Amino acid sequence: REQPAVELERLDGVTRERFLRDIYPRRKPVVLTGMELGPCTTKWTVDYLSQAEGSKEVKIHVSTVPQMDFLSKNFVYRTLPFDVFVRRAAEVIHHEYFLSEDEKYYLRSVGEDARKDIADIRKQFPILAKDVQIPEYFEKEQFFSSVFRISSAGLQLWTHYDVMDNFLIQVTGKKRVVLYSPRDAPYLYLSGTKSEVLDVDNPDMEKYPLFVKAKRYQCFLEAGDVLFIPALWFHNVISEEFGVALNVFWKHLPAESYDKTDTYGNKDPMAASRAIQILDRALKTLEELPEEYRDFYARRMVLRIQEKAYRNDYG
């Protein structure tokens, strides 16, 4: 049976100094409460949001099912004026819709050119940006992106990891976040940065028997809460009600470690990508051997990787 979830620690009024000294080096997720975030937590009503940024077009995900799946793409992309989108996302049943009257909406802000530009709330939503005080618990040059998100009630995002550290700032509404340690990657049935296990509450154990071994961490975020998600920690997010959030990503590694073409913060570091390519070539070379030999040398390679690269001090 699945292990009971470990509730994340909630810490109130953490200063930048304390965060950098006591929390950040542990590389574990934690919920920070009582942070100074500016007027956004009370100001950002549906009415205010829809008026503030007017009718500029936004590209959104539209889904007829609550669990969005990036691998099978069980959603469509559509464009709406921002004010119309906000009002629709706040409704449960729609009079106007694309696919069904109970469809769900999700906005993940992107740069002007999504292939080249990063998301930055100051550029894409300048009026709303003035209402937010982002906790800058990192150096200015480490900043990567600030991603504005709006989600319909009940919408669940697929489990994935990012390669940069981030703060998930819950501005309005409530979310439940389920997390898994990077160490539990072998049990998450990965396809790139994403897990194939969509329903983390009722997983298909015939299809994903090892999933039960993954240790589940979770937290419930209320308006004003900030979740620190260290790079490589897997997370699955469900919006328990209509809500607005802001993610701030920053670089934990030296800037040159990251892929220059990465606008989303989820491409593996350059060295990791190269290592995986080399491994793929090595495995292709093993195919020249008969099965019995291939099995033997593959096992030796696994042992070598464990011996050379695994950490033995995981808490």
Foldseek 3Di string as FASTA:
>chain_A
DFDDAAEAAEAEPQALVCCVPPPVVVQDKHKYFPDPWFQLLPQDDLVNQLPQQDFDKAKKWKAPDQFQDPVVRRTDIDIGGRNVVSVQLQDQAQPDDDPHRRIKIKGKDADPPNQAAAAACCPPPVRSVVRTDDRPSDDPVQWAYKIKMWIHASHKYFKFFFQFKKKKAWAAAKKKKKKFALVLVVQQCDDQGTGPQRPLPDGPCVVRVSVSVTHIYMYMDHHRMIMINGGSMIMMMHGNHTTIIMMITGHPDPPQQCDNSDRPRHDHGPVVVVVVVVVVVVLVVLVVDPPVVSVVVVVVVVVVCCVPPNDPPDD
